[in-house]
Amino acid sequence: MLNLIARGYRRKEIASLLQLSPHTIVNHIRHIYEKLEVSSRNEAVYEACQQGLIRIYE
């Protein structure tokens, strides 16, 4: 899911792609933020890249 966030997909788009409810996506994103200790999409993507969890450029 973090890869989709990094690519700029919105919550509703992610929900549709993963066939989950938008509410579930919000909860997952909140947990990602908590684990990465961040408070925004940009911070989450940056921190995930720094930790090697995702790669933006391939």
N, C-alpha and C. Protein backbone atom coordinates (compact mmCIF):
# COMPACT_ATOMS: atom_id res chain seq x y z
N MET A 1 0.82 -1.19 0.00
CA MET A 1 0.00 0.00 0.00
C MET A 1 0.87 1.26 0.00
N LEU A 2 1.99 1.20 0.68
CA LEU A 2 2.88 2.36 0.72
C LEU A 2 3.40 2.72 -0.66
N ASN A 3 3.59 1.71 -1.52
CA ASN A 3 4.00 1.99 -2.90
C ASN A 3 2.93 2.79 -3.64
N LEU A 4 1.67 2.46 -3.40
CA LEU A 4 0.57 3.18 -4.04
C LEU A 4 0.50 4.62 -3.54
N ILE A 5 0.74 4.80 -2.25
CA ILE A 5 0.76 6.15 -1.68
C ILE A 5 1.89 6.95 -2.32
N ALA A 6 3.05 6.31 -2.47
CA ALA A 6 4.21 6.99 -3.06
C ALA A 6 3.95 7.38 -4.51
N ARG A 7 3.14 6.60 -5.20
CA ARG A 7 2.82 6.90 -6.60
C ARG A 7 1.71 7.93 -6.75
N GLY A 8 1.16 8.41 -5.62
CA GLY A 8 0.19 9.48 -5.67
C GLY A 8 -1.27 9.06 -5.70
N TYR A 9 -1.54 7.77 -5.52
CA TYR A 9 -2.94 7.32 -5.50
C TYR A 9 -3.64 7.86 -4.26
N ARG A 10 -4.89 8.21 -4.42
CA ARG A 10 -5.72 8.69 -3.31
C ARG A 10 -6.35 7.50 -2.59
N ARG A 11 -6.88 7.76 -1.41
CA ARG A 11 -7.46 6.69 -0.59
C ARG A 11 -8.53 5.90 -1.33
N LYS A 12 -9.43 6.59 -2.00
CA LYS A 12 -10.51 5.90 -2.72
C LYS A 12 -9.96 5.04 -3.85
N GLU A 13 -8.93 5.54 -4.52
CA GLU A 13 -8.31 4.77 -5.60
C GLU A 13 -7.63 3.51 -5.05
N ILE A 14 -6.94 3.66 -3.93
CA ILE A 14 -6.27 2.52 -3.31
C ILE A 14 -7.32 1.50 -2.87
N ALA A 15 -8.40 1.97 -2.28
CA ALA A 15 -9.47 1.08 -1.84
C ALA A 15 -10.03 0.29 -3.02
N SER A 16 -10.24 0.95 -4.11
CA SER A 16 -10.76 0.29 -5.30
C SER A 16 -9.78 -0.74 -5.84
N LEU A 17 -8.51 -0.36 -5.94
CA LEU A 17 -7.49 -1.28 -6.45
C LEU A 17 -7.33 -2.52 -5.58
N LEU A 18 -7.39 -2.32 -4.27
CA LEU A 18 -7.18 -3.43 -3.34
C LEU A 18 -8.49 -4.11 -2.93
N GLN A 19 -9.59 -3.61 -3.45
CA GLN A 19 -10.93 -4.13 -3.15
C GLN A 19 -11.19 -4.14 -1.65
N LEU A 20 -10.90 -3.02 -1.02
CA LEU A 20 -11.16 -2.81 0.39
C LEU A 20 -11.99 -1.55 0.55
N SER A 21 -12.60 -1.38 1.72
CA SER A 21 -13.39 -0.18 1.94
C SER A 21 -12.45 1.00 2.21
N PRO A 22 -12.88 2.21 1.86
CA PRO A 22 -12.06 3.39 2.14
C PRO A 22 -11.73 3.52 3.63
N HIS A 23 -12.65 3.11 4.49
CA HIS A 23 -12.42 3.16 5.93
C HIS A 23 -11.25 2.26 6.33
N THR A 24 -11.17 1.09 5.73
CA THR A 24 -10.07 0.16 6.01
C THR A 24 -8.75 0.78 5.57
N ILE A 25 -8.76 1.44 4.43
CA ILE A 25 -7.54 2.09 3.93
C ILE A 25 -7.09 3.18 4.89
N VAL A 26 -8.02 3.97 5.39
CA VAL A 26 -7.68 5.02 6.36
C VAL A 26 -7.01 4.41 7.58
N ASN A 27 -7.56 3.30 8.07
CA ASN A 27 -6.96 2.64 9.24
C ASN A 27 -5.56 2.12 8.94
N HIS A 28 -5.38 1.52 7.78
CA HIS A 28 -4.06 1.02 7.41
C HIS A 28 -3.05 2.16 7.29
N ILE A 29 -3.47 3.25 6.68
CA ILE A 29 -2.57 4.40 6.53
C ILE A 29 -2.21 4.97 7.90
N ARG A 30 -3.17 5.04 8.79
CA ARG A 30 -2.91 5.54 10.15
C ARG A 30 -1.86 4.66 10.84
N HIS A 31 -1.98 3.35 10.69
CA HIS A 31 -1.02 2.44 11.30
C HIS A 31 0.37 2.58 10.67
N ILE A 32 0.41 2.80 9.38
CA ILE A 32 1.69 3.03 8.70
C ILE A 32 2.35 4.28 9.27
N TYR A 33 1.57 5.36 9.42
CA TYR A 33 2.10 6.60 9.98
C TYR A 33 2.65 6.38 11.38
N GLU A 34 1.90 5.62 12.20
CA GLU A 34 2.34 5.35 13.57
C GLU A 34 3.65 4.57 13.58
N LYS A 35 3.76 3.56 12.75
CA LYS A 35 4.97 2.74 12.73
C LYS A 35 6.17 3.51 12.22
N LEU A 36 5.95 4.40 11.28
CA LEU A 36 7.05 5.20 10.74
C LEU A 36 7.29 6.46 11.57
N GLU A 37 6.40 6.73 12.52
CA GLU A 37 6.47 7.92 13.37
C GLU A 37 6.46 9.20 12.54
N VAL A 38 5.47 9.30 11.65
CA VAL A 38 5.30 10.47 10.78
C VAL A 38 3.85 10.94 10.86
N SER A 39 3.56 12.08 10.22
CA SER A 39 2.20 12.60 10.28
C SER A 39 1.65 13.03 8.92
N SER A 40 2.35 12.70 7.84
CA SER A 40 1.84 13.06 6.52
C SER A 40 2.28 12.04 5.47
N ARG A 41 1.63 12.12 4.31
CA ARG A 41 1.97 11.22 3.20
C ARG A 41 3.41 11.42 2.76
N ASN A 42 3.81 12.68 2.62
CA ASN A 42 5.17 12.98 2.17
C ASN A 42 6.21 12.45 3.15
N GLU A 43 5.96 12.66 4.43
CA GLU A 43 6.89 12.15 5.43
C GLU A 43 6.95 10.62 5.41
N ALA A 44 5.80 9.98 5.23
CA ALA A 44 5.75 8.52 5.19
C ALA A 44 6.56 7.99 4.02
N VAL A 45 6.41 8.59 2.86
CA VAL A 45 7.15 8.14 1.68
C VAL A 45 8.64 8.37 1.88
N TYR A 46 9.00 9.53 2.38
CA TYR A 46 10.42 9.84 2.62
C TYR A 46 11.03 8.85 3.60
N GLU A 47 10.36 8.64 4.72
CA GLU A 47 10.88 7.75 5.77
C GLU A 47 10.96 6.31 5.28
N ALA A 48 9.96 5.88 4.53
CA ALA A 48 9.97 4.51 3.99
C ALA A 48 11.14 4.33 3.02
N CYS A 49 11.44 5.34 2.23
CA CYS A 49 12.60 5.28 1.33
C CYS A 49 13.89 5.22 2.13
N GLN A 50 13.99 6.03 3.16
CA GLN A 50 15.19 6.06 3.99
C GLN A 50 15.44 4.72 4.67
N GLN A 51 14.36 4.04 5.05
CA GLN A 51 14.47 2.75 5.74
C GLN A 51 14.58 1.58 4.76
N GLY A 52 14.50 1.88 3.48
CA GLY A 52 14.61 0.82 2.47
C GLY A 52 13.36 -0.01 2.30
N LEU A 53 12.23 0.51 2.76
CA LEU A 53 10.97 -0.23 2.65
C LEU A 53 10.38 -0.15 1.26
N ILE A 54 10.61 0.97 0.59
CA ILE A 54 10.14 1.14 -0.78
C ILE A 54 11.22 1.82 -1.60
N ARG A 55 11.12 1.68 -2.90
CA ARG A 55 12.00 2.38 -3.83
C ARG A 55 11.12 3.12 -4.81
N ILE A 56 11.37 4.39 -4.97
CA ILE A 56 10.57 5.20 -5.89
C ILE A 56 11.13 5.08 -7.31
N TYR A 57 12.44 5.09 -7.42
CA TYR A 57 13.09 5.09 -8.73
C TYR A 57 13.61 3.68 -9.02
N GLU A 58 13.07 3.10 -10.07
CA GLU A 58 13.52 1.75 -10.44
C GLU A 58 13.81 1.70 -11.91
